[in-house]
Amino acid sequence: MEYFHYIQEDFGTVAELMIQKMYELKDSDNLAYDLKTKQGSKIEVKFSRVLKSCKENINFDNAIKSIISSNTENRMLTYENAIKSEFDCNIQQVKGKEFEYLYYGCFFEDKIMICKIKHSEIKTDLKLNYSDHQHRGNNGEGQFHINERTIKHHLNKYLIKWLTYEELYDIFSKKNNYKQQKIAF
C-alpha cells in the first residue's frame, strides 16, 4: 500500500468510484454527467494530481533527465510542500449545464482534498477564476485552477473532507469497513 497514492492510470475513474462509494451515489444513466443521487440530482466528479512544476526547458542535454524526473512518483507533492511551492491543478472539461453538484479535488502525495460546489456557484464565485473558454470552439465547457495562490479559498469555502490513502484503501478493500458519509444535497 506504500505506493497506492501513485495512481497512474485513469485516476479520474478512481476519483469517481471513491466519491460514489463514500456518498452512496448511483451510476449515471447519461454520458453527460458521472453519477447521481438517490433523489436524481446529477453529479460530476473532477480531480487532479498535485505535481511539481517543471521549470527547465527540455533540450538535448537534459532530455533523459527530464524524462526520468517527469514520472509522477518523482513529482507528486505533499500538501505541506505544495502550499510552499508552485503547482497547478487544472479542473477541466467542466460542463456546468449538465449537473447540479461538482465534487472536485486534488490528489496530494500524502492525502486527498475533496471539495463540493453547486453548479450555480462555479460562475458566480469570482475567486475561482472560472473560464468558460477552455478550448477554441468548446461551448459550454470550462475550467478553473487550484494552485498555491487559490487553494486557501477552496479549503475555506468548498472543502468537505480530507482523505488519507489508508482510508482510500479501506474504501476499495474487500474488508470494506469504511463508513459511508451522509451529506446533504
Protein backbone atom coordinates (compact mmCIF):
# COMPACT_ATOMS: atom_id res chain seq x y z
CA MET A 1 0.00 0.00 0.00
CA GLU A 2 3.06 2.26 0.25
CA TYR A 3 2.69 3.39 -3.38
CA PHE A 4 -1.09 3.29 -3.52
CA HIS A 5 -1.15 7.09 -3.82
CA TYR A 6 0.85 7.00 -7.05
CA ILE A 7 -2.25 6.30 -9.10
CA GLN A 8 -1.03 6.33 -12.68
CA GLU A 9 -3.79 5.03 -14.89
CA ASP A 10 -7.11 6.82 -15.07
CA PHE A 11 -7.14 8.36 -11.62
CA GLY A 12 -10.35 10.11 -12.74
CA THR A 13 -12.15 6.77 -12.60
CA VAL A 14 -10.64 6.11 -9.16
CA ALA A 15 -11.97 9.50 -8.03
CA GLU A 16 -15.45 8.74 -9.39
CA LEU A 17 -15.57 5.36 -7.66
CA MET A 18 -14.26 6.91 -4.43
CA ILE A 19 -16.97 9.59 -4.42
CA GLN A 20 -19.65 7.09 -5.42
CA LYS A 21 -18.77 4.77 -2.56
CA MET A 22 -18.27 7.50 0.06
CA TYR A 23 -21.56 9.27 -0.58
CA GLU A 24 -23.76 6.34 -1.67
CA LEU A 25 -24.26 7.68 -5.19
CA LYS A 26 -25.60 5.76 -8.16
CA ASP A 27 -24.21 5.25 -11.65
CA SER A 28 -25.29 7.82 -14.20
CA ASP A 29 -27.73 6.82 -16.89
CA ASN A 30 -26.41 9.58 -19.13
CA LEU A 31 -22.90 10.25 -20.50
CA ALA A 32 -23.25 13.99 -19.78
CA TYR A 33 -22.51 13.54 -16.05
CA ASP A 34 -20.79 10.96 -13.85
CA LEU A 35 -23.13 9.97 -11.02
CA LYS A 36 -26.49 10.76 -9.45
CA THR A 37 -28.06 10.84 -6.02
CA LYS A 38 -30.93 8.60 -4.98
CA GLN A 39 -33.12 11.67 -5.44
CA GLY A 40 -31.89 12.11 -9.03
CA SER A 41 -29.50 15.06 -8.64
CA LYS A 42 -26.77 14.96 -11.29
CA ILE A 43 -23.17 14.78 -10.02
CA GLU A 44 -19.93 15.49 -11.87
CA VAL A 45 -16.52 14.41 -10.48
CA LYS A 46 -13.22 16.14 -11.41
CA PHE A 47 -9.88 15.61 -9.69
CA SER A 48 -6.27 16.47 -10.43
CA ARG A 49 -2.90 15.26 -9.17
CA VAL A 50 -0.64 17.76 -7.41
CA LEU A 51 2.71 17.69 -9.19
CA LYS A 52 5.83 19.83 -9.01
CA SER A 53 6.03 22.27 -11.87
CA CYS A 54 8.71 21.53 -14.45
CA LYS A 55 10.79 24.66 -14.74
CA GLU A 56 13.51 23.53 -17.09
CA ASN A 57 13.20 23.85 -20.85
CA ILE A 58 13.87 20.47 -22.41
CA ASN A 59 16.85 20.24 -24.76
CA PHE A 60 19.30 17.57 -25.98
CA ASP A 61 21.46 17.96 -22.88
CA ASN A 62 18.70 17.36 -20.32
CA ALA A 63 16.11 15.27 -22.21
CA ILE A 64 16.90 11.97 -20.43
CA LYS A 65 16.94 13.67 -17.01
CA SER A 66 13.59 15.33 -17.83
CA ILE A 67 12.01 12.03 -18.84
CA ILE A 68 13.15 10.33 -15.63
CA SER A 69 12.04 13.22 -13.40
CA SER A 70 8.68 13.57 -15.15
CA ASN A 71 7.46 10.33 -13.58
CA THR A 72 4.53 11.07 -11.24
CA GLU A 73 6.30 9.26 -8.42
CA ASN A 74 9.16 11.77 -8.67
CA ARG A 75 6.91 14.84 -8.94
CA MET A 76 4.00 14.38 -6.51
CA LEU A 77 3.87 16.93 -3.71
CA THR A 78 2.68 16.53 -0.15
CA TYR A 79 0.14 19.09 0.99
CA GLU A 80 2.73 20.90 3.13
CA ASN A 81 5.22 21.08 0.25
CA ALA A 82 2.55 22.12 -2.23
CA ILE A 83 1.47 25.22 -0.34
CA LYS A 84 5.12 26.33 -0.24
CA SER A 85 5.77 25.54 -3.93
CA GLU A 86 4.42 26.33 -7.34
CA PHE A 87 1.85 23.84 -8.54
CA ASP A 88 -1.15 23.96 -10.83
CA CYS A 89 -4.12 21.59 -10.80
CA ASN A 90 -6.49 22.10 -13.70
CA ILE A 91 -10.11 21.18 -13.04
CA GLN A 92 -11.15 20.97 -16.65
CA GLN A 93 -13.94 19.99 -19.00
CA VAL A 94 -16.48 21.40 -16.54
CA LYS A 95 -19.88 21.41 -18.23
CA GLY A 96 -21.99 23.29 -15.67
CA LYS A 97 -25.25 22.90 -17.56
CA GLU A 98 -25.05 19.12 -17.21
CA PHE A 99 -25.01 18.72 -13.40
CA GLU A 100 -26.24 20.12 -10.10
CA TYR A 101 -23.12 19.42 -8.00
CA LEU A 102 -19.43 19.11 -8.72
CA TYR A 103 -17.18 17.04 -6.48
CA TYR A 104 -13.62 18.09 -7.18
CA GLY A 105 -10.27 17.96 -5.53
CA CYS A 106 -6.61 17.16 -5.51
CA PHE A 107 -4.56 14.01 -5.05
CA PHE A 108 -1.56 15.13 -2.97
CA GLU A 109 1.22 12.68 -2.20
CA ASP A 110 0.04 12.26 1.40
CA LYS A 111 -3.73 12.84 1.26
CA ILE A 112 -6.71 13.72 -0.90
CA MET A 113 -8.61 17.00 -0.77
CA ILE A 114 -12.34 16.60 -1.52
CA CYS A 115 -14.47 19.64 -2.28
CA LYS A 116 -18.07 20.10 -3.36
CA ILE A 117 -19.68 23.06 -5.15
CA LYS A 118 -23.11 23.78 -6.61
CA HIS A 119 -23.08 24.32 -10.37
CA SER A 120 -24.60 27.79 -9.85
CA GLU A 121 -21.60 28.87 -7.73
CA ILE A 122 -18.96 27.95 -10.30
CA LYS A 123 -19.55 31.03 -12.48
CA THR A 124 -20.56 33.40 -9.66
CA ASP A 125 -17.63 32.81 -7.29
CA LEU A 126 -15.10 35.17 -8.85
CA LYS A 127 -12.29 33.78 -6.68
CA LEU A 128 -12.48 30.51 -8.62
CA ASN A 129 -11.34 32.33 -11.78
CA TYR A 130 -13.57 30.05 -13.81
CA SER A 131 -13.08 30.35 -17.54
CA ASP A 132 -15.83 29.09 -19.80
CA HIS A 133 -13.49 29.05 -22.80
CA GLN A 134 -11.24 26.05 -22.29
CA HIS A 135 -10.57 25.32 -25.95
CA ARG A 136 -11.45 27.11 -29.13
CA GLY A 137 -14.96 26.12 -30.18
CA ASN A 138 -15.74 24.32 -26.91
CA ASN A 139 -19.01 25.98 -25.99
CA GLY A 140 -20.43 25.25 -22.54
CA GLU A 141 -17.22 23.73 -21.22
CA GLY A 142 -14.78 25.47 -18.90
CA GLN A 143 -12.08 25.13 -16.30
CA PHE A 144 -10.58 26.56 -13.14
CA HIS A 145 -7.22 26.07 -11.49
CA ILE A 146 -6.20 25.13 -7.97
CA ASN A 147 -2.71 26.34 -7.16
CA GLU A 148 -0.64 27.79 -4.33
CA ARG A 149 -2.49 31.13 -4.71
CA THR A 150 -6.08 29.79 -4.80
CA ILE A 151 -6.03 26.69 -2.60
CA LYS A 152 -6.98 28.53 0.61
CA HIS A 153 -10.21 29.73 -0.97
CA HIS A 154 -11.14 26.17 -1.97
CA LEU A 155 -10.30 24.90 1.52
CA ASN A 156 -12.23 27.65 3.31
CA LYS A 157 -15.35 27.56 1.14
CA TYR A 158 -15.73 24.14 -0.51
CA LEU A 159 -13.71 21.52 1.42
CA ILE A 160 -15.89 18.67 2.69
CA LYS A 161 -13.21 16.12 3.61
CA TRP A 162 -9.54 15.25 3.74
CA LEU A 163 -9.00 11.59 2.98
CA THR A 164 -5.85 9.59 3.66
CA TYR A 165 -4.64 6.90 1.29
CA GLU A 166 -5.22 4.35 4.05
CA GLU A 167 -8.88 5.43 4.11
CA LEU A 168 -8.99 5.23 0.31
CA TYR A 169 -7.61 1.71 0.55
CA ASP A 170 -10.32 0.84 3.08
CA ILE A 171 -12.99 2.17 0.73
CA PHE A 172 -11.86 -0.22 -2.02
CA SER A 173 -10.73 -3.17 0.10
CA LYS A 174 -12.76 -6.34 0.45
CA LYS A 175 -13.00 -5.74 4.20
CA ASN A 176 -14.88 -2.58 3.41
CA ASN A 177 -15.08 -1.28 6.98
CA TYR A 178 -15.21 2.28 5.74
CA LYS A 179 -18.32 4.14 6.91
CA GLN A 180 -20.14 5.96 4.17
CA GLN A 181 -20.63 9.69 4.58
CA LYS A 182 -24.06 11.28 4.73
CA ILE A 183 -24.06 14.64 3.03
CA ALA A 184 -26.98 16.96 2.36
CA PHE A 185 -27.87 17.72 -1.25
